[in-house]
N, C-alpha and C. Protein backbone atom coordinates (compact mmCIF):
# COMPACT_ATOMS: atom_id res chain seq x y z
N MET A 1 2.15 -10.05 19.01
CA MET A 1 2.93 -10.91 19.83
C MET A 1 3.73 -10.04 20.78
N LEU A 2 3.93 -10.56 21.98
CA LEU A 2 4.70 -9.83 22.99
C LEU A 2 5.86 -10.68 23.49
N ALA A 3 6.97 -10.02 23.74
CA ALA A 3 8.09 -10.65 24.43
C ALA A 3 8.13 -10.06 25.82
N VAL A 4 8.12 -10.94 26.82
CA VAL A 4 8.06 -10.50 28.21
C VAL A 4 9.27 -11.05 28.95
N ARG A 5 9.89 -10.18 29.74
CA ARG A 5 11.01 -10.59 30.59
C ARG A 5 10.74 -10.03 31.98
N ALA A 6 10.64 -10.91 32.96
CA ALA A 6 10.42 -10.52 34.36
C ALA A 6 9.21 -9.58 34.48
N ASP A 7 8.09 -10.01 33.95
CA ASP A 7 6.83 -9.26 34.04
C ASP A 7 6.88 -7.90 33.35
N ARG A 8 7.79 -7.72 32.42
CA ARG A 8 7.93 -6.46 31.69
C ARG A 8 7.94 -6.74 30.20
N VAL A 9 7.15 -6.03 29.44
CA VAL A 9 7.15 -6.19 27.98
C VAL A 9 8.43 -5.58 27.42
N VAL A 10 9.19 -6.41 26.68
CA VAL A 10 10.46 -5.93 26.11
C VAL A 10 10.44 -5.93 24.58
N GLY A 11 9.33 -6.38 23.99
CA GLY A 11 9.23 -6.36 22.54
C GLY A 11 7.83 -6.72 22.08
N CYS A 12 7.51 -6.28 20.87
CA CYS A 12 6.22 -6.63 20.28
C CYS A 12 6.35 -6.70 18.76
N LEU A 13 5.43 -7.45 18.16
CA LEU A 13 5.41 -7.63 16.72
C LEU A 13 4.01 -8.10 16.34
N ALA A 14 3.49 -7.58 15.24
CA ALA A 14 2.15 -7.97 14.79
C ALA A 14 2.24 -8.83 13.54
N VAL A 15 1.37 -9.83 13.44
CA VAL A 15 1.21 -10.63 12.23
C VAL A 15 -0.07 -10.13 11.57
N TRP A 16 0.05 -9.64 10.35
CA TRP A 16 -1.06 -9.01 9.66
C TRP A 16 -1.43 -9.85 8.45
N ASP A 17 -2.53 -10.56 8.55
CA ASP A 17 -3.03 -11.42 7.47
C ASP A 17 -4.20 -10.71 6.79
N GLN A 18 -3.98 -10.25 5.57
CA GLN A 18 -5.00 -9.49 4.85
C GLN A 18 -5.71 -10.32 3.78
N ARG A 19 -5.52 -11.62 3.76
CA ARG A 19 -6.05 -12.44 2.67
C ARG A 19 -7.56 -12.36 2.52
N ALA A 20 -8.29 -12.01 3.58
CA ALA A 20 -9.75 -11.95 3.48
C ALA A 20 -10.22 -10.81 2.57
N PHE A 21 -9.37 -9.78 2.40
CA PHE A 21 -9.82 -8.65 1.59
C PHE A 21 -8.77 -8.11 0.62
N LYS A 22 -7.56 -8.62 0.66
CA LYS A 22 -6.52 -8.14 -0.24
C LYS A 22 -5.61 -9.31 -0.59
N GLN A 23 -5.45 -9.56 -1.88
CA GLN A 23 -4.61 -10.68 -2.29
C GLN A 23 -3.72 -10.29 -3.46
N HIS A 24 -2.55 -10.90 -3.51
CA HIS A 24 -1.67 -10.81 -4.66
C HIS A 24 -1.85 -12.11 -5.44
N VAL A 25 -2.23 -12.01 -6.70
CA VAL A 25 -2.49 -13.18 -7.52
C VAL A 25 -1.43 -13.27 -8.62
N VAL A 26 -0.88 -14.45 -8.82
CA VAL A 26 0.12 -14.67 -9.86
C VAL A 26 -0.59 -14.63 -11.21
N ARG A 27 -0.16 -13.72 -12.07
CA ARG A 27 -0.76 -13.58 -13.41
C ARG A 27 0.09 -14.23 -14.48
N GLY A 28 1.32 -14.58 -14.15
CA GLY A 28 2.19 -15.23 -15.12
C GLY A 28 3.62 -15.21 -14.64
N TYR A 29 4.45 -15.99 -15.31
CA TYR A 29 5.88 -16.04 -15.01
C TYR A 29 6.65 -15.77 -16.29
N SER A 30 7.84 -15.23 -16.14
CA SER A 30 8.70 -15.06 -17.30
C SER A 30 9.09 -16.45 -17.81
N SER A 31 9.55 -16.53 -19.05
CA SER A 31 9.91 -17.84 -19.62
C SER A 31 11.01 -18.50 -18.82
N ARG A 32 11.94 -17.72 -18.30
CA ARG A 32 13.04 -18.29 -17.51
C ARG A 32 12.52 -18.88 -16.21
N VAL A 33 11.67 -18.14 -15.49
CA VAL A 33 11.11 -18.65 -14.23
C VAL A 33 10.21 -19.85 -14.51
N LEU A 34 9.43 -19.78 -15.57
CA LEU A 34 8.55 -20.89 -15.93
C LEU A 34 9.35 -22.16 -16.20
N ARG A 35 10.50 -22.01 -16.86
CA ARG A 35 11.36 -23.15 -17.16
C ARG A 35 11.92 -23.77 -15.87
N TRP A 36 12.23 -22.94 -14.88
CA TRP A 36 12.87 -23.40 -13.65
C TRP A 36 11.88 -23.63 -12.51
N ARG A 37 10.60 -23.39 -12.74
CA ARG A 37 9.61 -23.46 -11.66
C ARG A 37 9.55 -24.84 -11.00
N ARG A 38 9.51 -25.90 -11.79
CA ARG A 38 9.43 -27.25 -11.20
C ARG A 38 10.65 -27.57 -10.34
N PRO A 39 11.89 -27.37 -10.83
CA PRO A 39 13.05 -27.62 -9.95
C PRO A 39 13.07 -26.72 -8.71
N ILE A 40 12.66 -25.46 -8.89
CA ILE A 40 12.60 -24.55 -7.74
C ILE A 40 11.62 -25.07 -6.71
N ASN A 41 10.44 -25.49 -7.16
CA ASN A 41 9.43 -25.99 -6.22
C ASN A 41 9.86 -27.29 -5.57
N LEU A 42 10.55 -28.15 -6.30
CA LEU A 42 11.06 -29.38 -5.70
C LEU A 42 12.08 -29.07 -4.61
N ALA A 43 13.02 -28.17 -4.91
CA ALA A 43 14.02 -27.78 -3.91
C ALA A 43 13.36 -27.11 -2.71
N ALA A 44 12.35 -26.29 -2.97
CA ALA A 44 11.64 -25.61 -1.88
C ALA A 44 10.93 -26.61 -0.99
N ARG A 45 10.33 -27.63 -1.59
CA ARG A 45 9.64 -28.66 -0.80
C ARG A 45 10.64 -29.38 0.11
N VAL A 46 11.80 -29.75 -0.44
CA VAL A 46 12.83 -30.45 0.34
C VAL A 46 13.33 -29.57 1.48
N ALA A 47 13.47 -28.27 1.22
CA ALA A 47 13.99 -27.33 2.21
C ALA A 47 12.91 -26.73 3.11
N SER A 48 11.66 -27.18 2.96
CA SER A 48 10.53 -26.65 3.72
C SER A 48 10.37 -25.13 3.54
N LEU A 49 10.50 -24.69 2.31
CA LEU A 49 10.34 -23.28 1.95
C LEU A 49 9.09 -23.11 1.10
N PRO A 50 8.59 -21.89 1.00
CA PRO A 50 7.41 -21.66 0.15
C PRO A 50 7.70 -21.99 -1.31
N ARG A 51 6.68 -22.47 -2.01
CA ARG A 51 6.80 -22.81 -3.42
C ARG A 51 6.14 -21.73 -4.29
N LEU A 52 6.54 -21.68 -5.54
CA LEU A 52 5.93 -20.76 -6.49
C LEU A 52 4.55 -21.29 -6.87
N PRO A 53 3.50 -20.52 -6.66
CA PRO A 53 2.14 -21.02 -6.93
C PRO A 53 1.83 -21.08 -8.42
N ASP A 54 0.77 -21.81 -8.76
CA ASP A 54 0.29 -21.87 -10.13
C ASP A 54 -0.21 -20.49 -10.56
N VAL A 55 -0.17 -20.26 -11.86
CA VAL A 55 -0.72 -19.02 -12.42
C VAL A 55 -2.22 -18.97 -12.08
N GLY A 56 -2.67 -17.80 -11.65
CA GLY A 56 -4.06 -17.62 -11.26
C GLY A 56 -4.33 -17.85 -9.79
N ARG A 57 -3.33 -18.34 -9.07
CA ARG A 57 -3.50 -18.62 -7.64
C ARG A 57 -2.98 -17.45 -6.81
N PRO A 58 -3.65 -17.17 -5.70
CA PRO A 58 -3.14 -16.10 -4.82
C PRO A 58 -1.94 -16.58 -4.01
N LEU A 59 -1.11 -15.63 -3.63
CA LEU A 59 0.00 -15.94 -2.73
C LEU A 59 -0.55 -16.08 -1.32
N ASP A 60 -0.10 -17.09 -0.61
CA ASP A 60 -0.48 -17.26 0.81
C ASP A 60 0.53 -16.46 1.62
N GLU A 61 0.18 -15.21 1.91
CA GLU A 61 1.14 -14.35 2.56
C GLU A 61 0.54 -13.61 3.75
N ALA A 62 1.42 -13.23 4.62
CA ALA A 62 1.08 -12.37 5.76
C ALA A 62 2.23 -11.39 5.92
N SER A 63 1.95 -10.28 6.55
CA SER A 63 2.99 -9.27 6.78
C SER A 63 3.29 -9.18 8.27
N LEU A 64 4.52 -8.86 8.57
CA LEU A 64 4.91 -8.58 9.95
C LEU A 64 5.03 -7.07 10.07
N SER A 65 4.47 -6.52 11.14
CA SER A 65 4.49 -5.07 11.30
C SER A 65 4.56 -4.68 12.76
N HIS A 66 4.72 -3.41 12.99
CA HIS A 66 4.71 -2.82 14.32
C HIS A 66 5.74 -3.47 15.26
N ALA A 67 6.93 -3.67 14.73
CA ALA A 67 7.99 -4.27 15.55
C ALA A 67 8.62 -3.20 16.45
N ALA A 68 8.79 -3.56 17.70
CA ALA A 68 9.47 -2.68 18.65
C ALA A 68 10.16 -3.57 19.69
N VAL A 69 11.43 -3.25 19.96
CA VAL A 69 12.22 -4.05 20.89
C VAL A 69 13.05 -3.11 21.76
N ASP A 70 13.00 -3.32 23.07
CA ASP A 70 13.81 -2.53 23.99
C ASP A 70 15.30 -2.69 23.66
N GLY A 71 16.01 -1.57 23.60
CA GLY A 71 17.45 -1.60 23.42
C GLY A 71 17.91 -2.19 22.11
N ASP A 72 17.03 -2.28 21.12
CA ASP A 72 17.39 -2.87 19.82
C ASP A 72 18.01 -4.25 19.97
N ASP A 73 17.48 -5.03 20.89
CA ASP A 73 18.01 -6.37 21.18
C ASP A 73 17.66 -7.31 20.03
N ALA A 74 18.67 -7.70 19.24
CA ALA A 74 18.47 -8.56 18.08
C ALA A 74 17.93 -9.93 18.47
N GLY A 75 18.31 -10.44 19.62
CA GLY A 75 17.84 -11.75 20.07
C GLY A 75 16.34 -11.76 20.31
N ILE A 76 15.83 -10.70 20.91
CA ILE A 76 14.39 -10.59 21.15
C ILE A 76 13.65 -10.48 19.81
N LEU A 77 14.16 -9.64 18.91
CA LEU A 77 13.52 -9.49 17.60
C LEU A 77 13.51 -10.81 16.85
N LEU A 78 14.61 -11.53 16.85
CA LEU A 78 14.68 -12.82 16.18
C LEU A 78 13.67 -13.81 16.76
N ALA A 79 13.54 -13.84 18.07
CA ALA A 79 12.56 -14.72 18.72
C ALA A 79 11.14 -14.34 18.33
N LEU A 80 10.84 -13.05 18.27
CA LEU A 80 9.51 -12.59 17.87
C LEU A 80 9.21 -12.96 16.41
N VAL A 81 10.17 -12.73 15.53
CA VAL A 81 9.97 -13.06 14.11
C VAL A 81 9.79 -14.56 13.94
N SER A 82 10.58 -15.36 14.62
CA SER A 82 10.45 -16.82 14.52
C SER A 82 9.07 -17.28 14.99
N ALA A 83 8.62 -16.75 16.11
CA ALA A 83 7.29 -17.11 16.63
C ALA A 83 6.19 -16.63 15.67
N ALA A 84 6.36 -15.44 15.10
CA ALA A 84 5.36 -14.91 14.17
C ALA A 84 5.29 -15.76 12.90
N LEU A 85 6.42 -16.20 12.39
CA LEU A 85 6.43 -17.06 11.21
C LEU A 85 5.74 -18.39 11.49
N ARG A 86 5.99 -18.96 12.66
CA ARG A 86 5.30 -20.21 13.03
C ARG A 86 3.80 -19.98 13.08
N MET A 87 3.38 -18.85 13.66
CA MET A 87 1.96 -18.54 13.75
C MET A 87 1.36 -18.37 12.34
N ALA A 88 2.04 -17.63 11.48
CA ALA A 88 1.53 -17.41 10.13
C ALA A 88 1.43 -18.71 9.36
N ARG A 89 2.43 -19.57 9.47
CA ARG A 89 2.38 -20.87 8.78
C ARG A 89 1.25 -21.73 9.34
N GLY A 90 1.03 -21.66 10.63
CA GLY A 90 -0.08 -22.40 11.24
C GLY A 90 -1.43 -21.95 10.75
N ARG A 91 -1.51 -20.72 10.29
CA ARG A 91 -2.76 -20.18 9.75
C ARG A 91 -2.82 -20.30 8.23
N GLY A 92 -1.84 -20.95 7.63
CA GLY A 92 -1.87 -21.17 6.19
C GLY A 92 -1.10 -20.18 5.35
N SER A 93 -0.38 -19.27 5.96
CA SER A 93 0.46 -18.35 5.20
C SER A 93 1.85 -18.95 5.08
N THR A 94 2.44 -18.83 3.88
CA THR A 94 3.76 -19.40 3.70
C THR A 94 4.81 -18.34 3.44
N SER A 95 4.42 -17.11 3.23
CA SER A 95 5.41 -16.08 2.97
C SER A 95 5.09 -14.82 3.73
């Protein structure tokens, strides 16, 4: 992703989706997390946040990398991260 201001690139960020060849799979939860998983997932659904997957299921994740922003401008970085998260969610990644 690129951030452009007046025909000049002022920031970049990559969305890296490795699910085709590398996955993190949930193998189990501690008893405490298992006990709280349903309420956590209900709250996450209400708040539009990622939910804890079932045991044996892969995490739907993507990584953000190669971030660079002119002048360490936090506003540009925030805009890039927000756009990257929307893109990742649109492709089925939730984390």
